[in-house]
Amino acid sequence: MRLFEKFQGARHRSGSTPEAALEAAEALAARGDVDAAIRTLDAALVDAPDTAIERRIVELRHAAFFAHRGVSRVDEWPPQADDLFPDATAIPEIHARDLTVERVRSGVLRHGALIVREVFDAEQVAVLADDVRRAVASFDEPKRSDNPWYHPLAIDPRCTPLTPADRHWTRSTGGCFAADSPRSMVHYLAALRANGLVDIVDGYLGERPALSVKKTTLREVPPRGEQGWHQDGAFLGDGIRTLNLWLALTPCGTDAPTMDMIPRRLHELAPAGVEGAAFDWSVSDTVAARVAGERGIQRLQFAAGDIVFFDELNLHRTAISPEMTQTRLAIEAWFFAPSCYPLPQLPILV
């Protein structure tokens, strides 16, 4: 069975050539039905991968945001969340079969995060890990017009454009933007749907979600260097509604870099740029230890296919120690509620 068909759960062939599918999609988009255009192209990929179609899907999902009217089903933010893990002294964990919106809400809003085990199966992990490697390698190689793994997304003029410096900075931190790798993005979105994760994020945010181009990253992190403690809310803006889905594509925490995390819910930003912090946006070890309190700092352990959910108030850092010799592969995806989307983050409607 072809990969895209497996991810999508498709039951039939599209019966259309790539050229015909692109022509039909453009006609739909011209009439303002961008969602139907995307569905037409998704269906065409059931037959075989196609570079032109994959690129157009990502472009249309970017454009679709501006044709979409985001309306929230949630009256207040953050919403009330019952504590479903009252005995947890660390980040709560569940198995994928027990994943619900209510458990994600409880984990994130009452305990700071939720780890979910065995979400992506071995075949999905293998394909997505290969995508990450190919995308990052393609960034470093001479650019080819026919390369499905790297093609920089053209940003809508209503947004602040991405610059080469933006892309090179992300590469310097061990990754590249997923939206700049059309095949990787198409595979990733299909896998999210196959595992019910789009519905989970929709339920958590209370509306159809939009990814951030700037905060959805394919990561290949070598076992060297270390990033400071930080909360993403320090540079995402006010009044936002977010959920980060971090996917491990290799085992993390013993032989490969992982994350250190404060295992409790924070309701405000910790003081940044003080008491020895390396950057004006980062939090020092001293402040992090004080915020952690008696619970201390938790070093997360992941198997390939595990995920962790958290939001912009979670205090965490990349964790590397001398015994780690393997490279970490992961995908970090930040979802936002379109009704209060910060345009500088560059939207991709899911």
Protein backbone atom coordinates (compact mmCIF):
# COMPACT_ATOMS: atom_id res chain seq x y z
CA MET A 1 0.00 0.00 0.00
CA ARG A 2 1.35 3.42 -0.89
CA LEU A 3 2.39 5.49 2.08
CA PHE A 4 0.09 8.44 1.49
CA GLU A 5 -2.88 6.13 1.06
CA LYS A 6 -2.02 4.43 4.36
CA PHE A 7 -1.70 7.72 6.21
CA GLN A 8 -4.89 9.15 4.77
CA GLY A 9 -6.95 6.00 5.11
CA ALA A 10 -7.96 6.45 1.46
CA ARG A 11 -10.18 3.78 -0.09
CA HIS A 12 -10.07 4.68 -3.76
CA ARG A 13 -7.82 6.01 -6.47
CA SER A 14 -8.25 9.55 -7.66
CA GLY A 15 -8.33 8.52 -11.34
CA SER A 16 -6.66 11.80 -12.27
CA THR A 17 -3.29 12.73 -13.70
CA PRO A 18 -1.21 15.22 -11.68
CA GLU A 19 -1.73 17.82 -14.41
CA ALA A 20 -5.49 17.35 -14.37
CA ALA A 21 -5.59 17.48 -10.57
CA LEU A 22 -3.60 20.72 -10.52
CA GLU A 23 -5.86 22.25 -13.17
CA ALA A 24 -8.99 21.27 -11.24
CA ALA A 25 -7.52 22.57 -7.99
CA GLU A 26 -6.63 25.93 -9.52
CA ALA A 27 -10.18 26.29 -10.84
CA LEU A 28 -11.57 25.61 -7.36
CA ALA A 29 -9.13 28.01 -5.72
CA ALA A 30 -10.02 30.71 -8.26
CA ARG A 31 -13.67 30.36 -7.22
CA GLY A 32 -12.67 30.79 -3.58
CA ASP A 33 -13.04 27.15 -2.51
CA VAL A 34 -9.47 26.62 -1.31
CA ASP A 35 -10.41 23.71 0.95
CA ALA A 36 -11.87 21.81 -2.01
CA ALA A 37 -8.72 22.56 -4.00
CA ILE A 38 -6.60 21.06 -1.22
CA ARG A 39 -8.83 17.96 -1.03
CA THR A 40 -8.49 17.50 -4.79
CA LEU A 41 -4.70 17.55 -4.56
CA ASP A 42 -4.65 15.31 -1.49
CA ALA A 43 -6.68 12.74 -3.42
CA ALA A 44 -4.26 12.91 -6.36
CA LEU A 45 -1.37 11.96 -4.06
CA VAL A 46 -3.06 8.63 -3.30
CA ASP A 47 -1.82 7.43 -6.69
CA ALA A 48 1.82 8.50 -6.32
CA PRO A 49 3.96 11.28 -4.86
CA ASP A 50 4.25 14.36 -7.05
CA THR A 51 6.52 17.30 -6.34
CA ALA A 52 4.34 19.95 -8.00
CA ILE A 53 1.22 18.80 -6.15
CA GLU A 54 2.99 18.66 -2.78
CA ARG A 55 4.32 22.19 -3.23
CA ARG A 56 0.90 23.49 -4.22
CA ILE A 57 -0.77 21.87 -1.20
CA VAL A 58 1.53 23.75 1.17
CA GLU A 59 1.02 27.01 -0.74
CA LEU A 60 -2.76 26.57 -0.67
CA ARG A 61 -2.80 25.79 3.05
CA HIS A 62 -0.92 29.04 3.61
CA ALA A 63 -3.39 30.90 1.39
CA ALA A 64 -6.38 29.12 2.96
CA PHE A 65 -5.77 30.86 6.27
CA PHE A 66 -6.69 34.21 4.74
CA ALA A 67 -9.92 32.80 3.30
CA HIS A 68 -10.85 31.22 6.64
CA ARG A 69 -12.85 33.01 9.32
CA GLY A 70 -11.60 31.75 12.64
CA VAL A 71 -14.39 31.45 15.21
CA SER A 72 -13.73 29.99 18.64
CA ARG A 73 -16.05 27.56 20.39
CA VAL A 74 -14.36 28.40 23.71
CA ASP A 75 -15.80 31.30 25.73
CA GLU A 76 -12.79 31.85 27.99
CA TRP A 77 -9.05 31.17 27.76
CA PRO A 78 -7.57 29.24 29.27
CA PRO A 79 -10.64 27.05 29.73
CA GLN A 80 -11.37 25.25 32.97
CA ALA A 81 -9.61 21.91 33.22
CA ASP A 82 -10.31 19.12 35.71
CA ASP A 83 -7.24 17.52 37.29
CA LEU A 84 -7.30 14.01 35.87
CA PHE A 85 -3.81 13.27 37.26
CA PRO A 86 -4.12 14.32 40.92
CA ASP A 87 -1.31 12.05 42.12
CA ALA A 88 1.23 13.08 39.48
CA THR A 89 4.54 14.38 40.81
CA ALA A 90 6.07 14.56 37.33
CA ILE A 91 4.76 15.26 33.84
CA PRO A 92 1.78 12.88 33.48
CA GLU A 93 1.96 10.12 30.89
CA ILE A 94 -0.70 8.17 29.02
CA HIS A 95 -0.78 5.66 26.17
CA ALA A 96 -2.08 6.70 22.76
CA ARG A 97 -5.18 4.55 23.18
CA ASP A 98 -6.20 6.75 26.14
CA LEU A 99 -5.67 10.08 24.39
CA THR A 100 -8.56 12.54 24.69
CA VAL A 101 -8.95 16.30 24.53
CA GLU A 102 -9.82 16.33 28.23
CA ARG A 103 -6.58 14.55 29.15
CA VAL A 104 -4.51 16.92 27.03
CA ARG A 105 -6.24 19.90 28.62
CA SER A 106 -5.68 18.50 32.10
CA GLY A 107 -2.04 17.66 31.45
CA VAL A 108 -1.13 21.01 29.91
CA LEU A 109 -3.25 23.36 32.03
CA ARG A 110 -2.87 21.59 35.39
CA HIS A 111 0.61 20.00 35.12
CA GLY A 112 2.44 21.91 32.38
CA ALA A 113 2.56 19.13 29.77
CA LEU A 114 1.31 15.68 28.79
CA ILE A 115 3.45 12.83 27.42
CA VAL A 116 1.67 10.35 25.15
CA ARG A 117 3.37 7.04 24.38
CA GLU A 118 3.34 5.02 21.12
CA VAL A 119 1.34 7.48 19.04
CA PHE A 120 3.11 7.07 15.69
CA ASP A 121 3.77 3.53 14.46
CA ALA A 122 7.12 2.22 13.23
CA GLU A 123 6.38 2.80 9.54
CA GLN A 124 5.26 6.37 10.12
CA VAL A 125 8.33 7.06 12.25
CA ALA A 126 10.64 5.60 9.59
CA VAL A 127 9.13 7.72 6.82
CA LEU A 128 9.09 10.94 8.84
CA ALA A 129 12.63 10.39 10.10
CA ASP A 130 13.80 9.90 6.52
CA ASP A 131 11.95 13.10 5.57
CA VAL A 132 13.78 15.04 8.27
CA ARG A 133 17.17 13.75 7.15
CA ARG A 134 16.45 14.48 3.48
CA ALA A 135 15.05 17.95 4.17
CA VAL A 136 17.99 19.03 6.29
CA ALA A 137 20.49 17.57 3.83
CA SER A 138 18.73 19.30 0.95
CA PHE A 139 19.03 22.65 2.74
CA ASP A 140 22.80 22.17 2.82
CA GLU A 141 23.10 21.07 -0.82
CA PRO A 142 22.90 23.10 -4.06
CA LYS A 143 19.23 23.91 -4.64
CA ARG A 144 17.38 21.91 -7.32
CA SER A 145 14.04 22.97 -8.77
CA ASP A 146 12.80 19.36 -8.75
CA ASN A 147 13.72 18.60 -5.13
CA PRO A 148 10.59 17.52 -3.20
CA TRP A 149 12.35 17.83 0.17
CA TYR A 150 13.37 21.47 -0.01
CA HIS A 151 11.54 24.33 -1.72
CA PRO A 152 11.24 27.60 0.26
CA LEU A 153 7.64 28.64 0.73
CA ALA A 154 6.65 31.99 -0.77
CA ILE A 155 5.07 34.00 2.05
CA ASP A 156 1.82 35.95 1.55
CA PRO A 157 2.52 39.71 1.29
CA ARG A 158 0.16 40.32 4.23
CA CYS A 159 2.81 38.71 6.43
CA THR A 160 6.37 39.63 7.24
CA PRO A 161 8.48 37.64 4.76
CA LEU A 162 10.98 35.01 5.78
CA THR A 163 14.54 35.99 4.99
CA PRO A 164 17.56 33.82 4.17
CA ALA A 165 18.87 34.81 7.60
CA ASP A 166 15.72 33.35 9.24
CA ARG A 167 16.22 30.08 7.46
CA HIS A 168 19.95 29.89 8.16
CA TRP A 169 19.38 30.65 11.86
CA THR A 170 16.92 27.76 12.11
CA ARG A 171 19.40 25.53 10.30
CA SER A 172 22.12 26.56 12.76
CA THR A 173 19.95 25.31 15.63
CA GLY A 174 19.64 21.86 14.05
CA GLY A 175 16.71 21.92 11.67
CA CYS A 176 14.70 23.57 8.94
CA PHE A 177 11.16 24.86 8.52
CA ALA A 178 8.72 22.04 7.73
CA ALA A 179 6.81 24.32 5.34
CA ASP A 180 10.00 24.59 3.25
CA SER A 181 9.96 20.81 2.74
CA PRO A 182 6.72 20.11 0.85
CA ARG A 183 6.91 16.31 0.86
CA SER A 184 7.78 16.26 4.55
CA MET A 185 4.89 18.59 5.37
CA VAL A 186 2.40 16.55 3.34
CA HIS A 187 3.54 13.32 5.02
CA TYR A 188 3.40 14.91 8.46
CA LEU A 189 -0.10 16.32 8.04
CA ALA A 190 -1.33 12.98 6.71
CA ALA A 191 0.17 11.17 9.70
CA LEU A 192 -1.42 13.64 12.12
CA ARG A 193 -4.83 12.93 10.60
CA ALA A 194 -4.28 9.18 10.55
CA ASN A 195 -3.57 9.25 14.28
CA GLY A 196 -6.50 11.51 15.18
CA LEU A 197 -4.25 14.35 16.30
CA VAL A 198 -5.83 17.09 14.19
CA ASP A 199 -9.13 16.40 15.95
CA ILE A 200 -7.39 16.50 19.33
CA VAL A 201 -5.79 19.88 18.62
CA ASP A 202 -9.06 21.22 17.18
CA GLY A 203 -10.88 20.17 20.34
CA TYR A 204 -8.23 21.65 22.60
CA LEU A 205 -8.10 25.04 20.84
CA GLY A 206 -11.84 25.14 20.19
CA GLU A 207 -11.44 25.77 16.46
CA ARG A 208 -9.78 24.48 13.34
CA PRO A 209 -6.05 24.96 14.00
CA ALA A 210 -3.33 26.70 12.03
CA LEU A 211 0.34 25.79 12.22
CA SER A 212 3.14 28.33 12.40
CA VAL A 213 5.67 28.29 9.56
CA LYS A 214 8.29 29.78 11.89
CA LYS A 215 7.59 27.40 14.78
CA THR A 216 7.01 24.10 12.96
CA THR A 217 10.43 22.61 12.52
CA LEU A 218 12.08 19.42 11.31
CA ARG A 219 14.90 18.84 13.78
CA GLU A 220 18.17 16.93 13.44
CA VAL A 221 20.03 17.86 16.62
CA PRO A 222 23.57 16.57 17.17
CA PRO A 223 24.77 15.78 20.69
CA ARG A 224 26.64 19.03 21.24
CA GLY A 225 25.84 22.48 22.55
CA GLU A 226 22.90 23.38 24.76
CA GLN A 227 20.04 25.83 24.51
CA GLY A 228 18.93 27.92 27.45
CA TRP A 229 15.77 27.59 29.48
CA HIS A 230 12.91 29.43 27.82
CA GLN A 231 9.14 29.86 27.53
CA ASP A 232 7.95 30.36 23.99
CA GLY A 233 5.39 32.85 25.24
CA ALA A 234 8.26 35.30 25.74
CA PHE A 235 8.37 35.92 21.99
CA LEU A 236 5.02 34.78 20.60
CA GLY A 237 2.94 37.77 21.70
CA ASP A 238 -0.03 38.32 23.98
CA GLY A 239 -3.57 37.00 23.71
CA ILE A 240 -2.61 33.83 21.88
CA ARG A 241 -4.01 30.30 22.13
CA THR A 242 -1.43 27.64 21.39
CA LEU A 243 -0.56 23.98 21.65
CA ASN A 244 2.82 22.50 20.82
CA LEU A 245 3.02 18.89 19.62
CA TRP A 246 6.60 17.61 19.90
CA LEU A 247 7.26 14.25 18.22
CA ALA A 248 10.33 12.10 18.90
CA LEU A 249 11.52 10.21 15.82
CA THR A 250 14.48 8.60 17.63
CA PRO A 251 14.94 7.53 21.24
CA CYS A 252 15.77 10.63 23.28
CA GLY A 253 17.17 11.07 26.76
CA THR A 254 19.91 8.44 27.08
CA ASP A 255 22.06 8.37 23.94
CA ALA A 256 20.55 11.40 22.19
CA PRO A 257 19.53 14.91 23.26
CA THR A 258 16.15 15.35 24.93
CA MET A 259 14.38 18.09 26.91
CA ASP A 260 14.61 19.21 30.50
CA MET A 261 11.25 20.51 31.71
CA ILE A 262 9.71 22.10 34.79
CA PRO A 263 7.04 19.54 35.78
CA ARG A 264 4.30 21.88 36.89
CA ARG A 265 1.91 24.41 35.43
CA LEU A 266 3.20 27.97 35.25
CA HIS A 267 0.72 30.83 34.94
CA GLU A 268 3.13 33.58 33.96
CA LEU A 269 6.51 34.16 32.37
CA ALA A 270 9.55 33.55 34.57
CA PRO A 271 12.09 36.38 34.77
CA ALA A 272 14.28 36.25 31.63
CA GLY A 273 17.66 37.79 30.96
CA VAL A 274 18.63 37.97 34.64
CA GLU A 275 20.77 36.08 37.18
CA GLY A 276 23.25 34.82 34.63
CA ALA A 277 20.91 34.06 31.70
CA ALA A 278 22.77 33.73 28.39
CA PHE A 279 20.21 35.74 26.37
CA ASP A 280 17.61 38.41 27.08
CA TRP A 281 14.87 35.87 26.22
CA SER A 282 16.31 32.93 28.17
CA VAL A 283 15.91 31.95 31.80
CA SER A 284 18.97 31.19 33.92
CA ASP A 285 19.60 27.87 35.68
CA THR A 286 19.15 29.68 39.00
CA VAL A 287 15.71 30.99 38.09
CA ALA A 288 14.65 27.64 36.59
CA ALA A 289 15.62 25.79 39.76
CA ARG A 290 13.72 28.30 41.88
CA VAL A 291 10.62 27.99 39.68
CA ALA A 292 10.81 24.18 39.78
CA GLY A 293 10.72 24.20 43.57
CA GLU A 294 10.57 20.91 45.45
CA ARG A 295 9.60 18.92 42.37
CA GLY A 296 12.90 19.73 40.72
CA ILE A 297 13.73 19.52 37.04
CA GLN A 298 12.58 16.54 34.99
CA ARG A 299 14.68 15.10 32.16
CA LEU A 300 12.24 13.62 29.66
CA GLN A 301 12.72 10.18 28.12
CA PHE A 302 11.15 9.30 24.77
CA ALA A 303 10.92 6.30 22.49
CA ALA A 304 10.51 6.92 18.77
CA GLY A 305 6.84 7.67 18.13
CA ASP A 306 6.15 9.25 21.53
CA ILE A 307 4.88 12.83 21.73
CA VAL A 308 4.58 15.57 24.34
CA PHE A 309 2.02 18.38 24.39
CA PHE A 310 2.72 21.75 26.04
CA ASP A 311 1.96 25.42 25.53
CA GLU A 312 3.73 28.78 25.52
CA LEU A 313 4.10 28.97 29.32
CA ASN A 314 5.99 25.70 29.68
CA LEU A 315 9.59 26.27 30.84
CA HIS A 316 12.01 23.88 29.14
CA ARG A 317 15.36 23.53 27.39
CA THR A 318 17.22 21.17 25.09
CA ALA A 319 19.16 18.74 27.30
CA ILE A 320 22.54 17.33 26.28
CA SER A 321 25.05 15.47 28.43
CA PRO A 322 28.52 14.03 27.73
CA GLU A 323 27.33 10.42 27.41
CA MET A 324 24.99 11.33 24.54
CA THR A 325 26.57 10.37 21.21
CA GLN A 326 23.57 10.02 18.88
CA THR A 327 21.72 12.64 16.83
CA ARG A 328 18.12 13.37 17.77
CA LEU A 329 15.44 13.48 15.09
CA ALA A 330 12.15 15.17 15.97
CA ILE A 331 9.35 17.35 14.62
CA GLU A 332 8.14 20.32 16.65
CA ALA A 333 4.78 21.74 15.58
CA TRP A 334 3.15 24.79 17.13
CA PHE A 335 -0.60 25.09 16.54
CA PHE A 336 -2.48 28.37 17.01
CA ALA A 337 -6.16 29.30 17.15
CA PRO A 338 -6.86 31.30 13.95
CA SER A 339 -9.28 33.65 15.74
CA CYS A 340 -6.30 35.19 17.56
CA TYR A 341 -3.40 34.18 15.33
CA PRO A 342 -0.18 36.26 15.54
CA LEU A 343 0.51 36.91 11.83
CA PRO A 344 4.30 37.23 12.29
CA GLN A 345 4.29 33.48 12.96
CA LEU A 346 3.09 32.85 9.35
CA PRO A 347 0.00 30.62 9.20
CA ILE A 348 -0.57 27.21 7.61
CA LEU A 349 -4.24 26.18 7.94
CA VAL A 350 -4.55 22.52 8.90
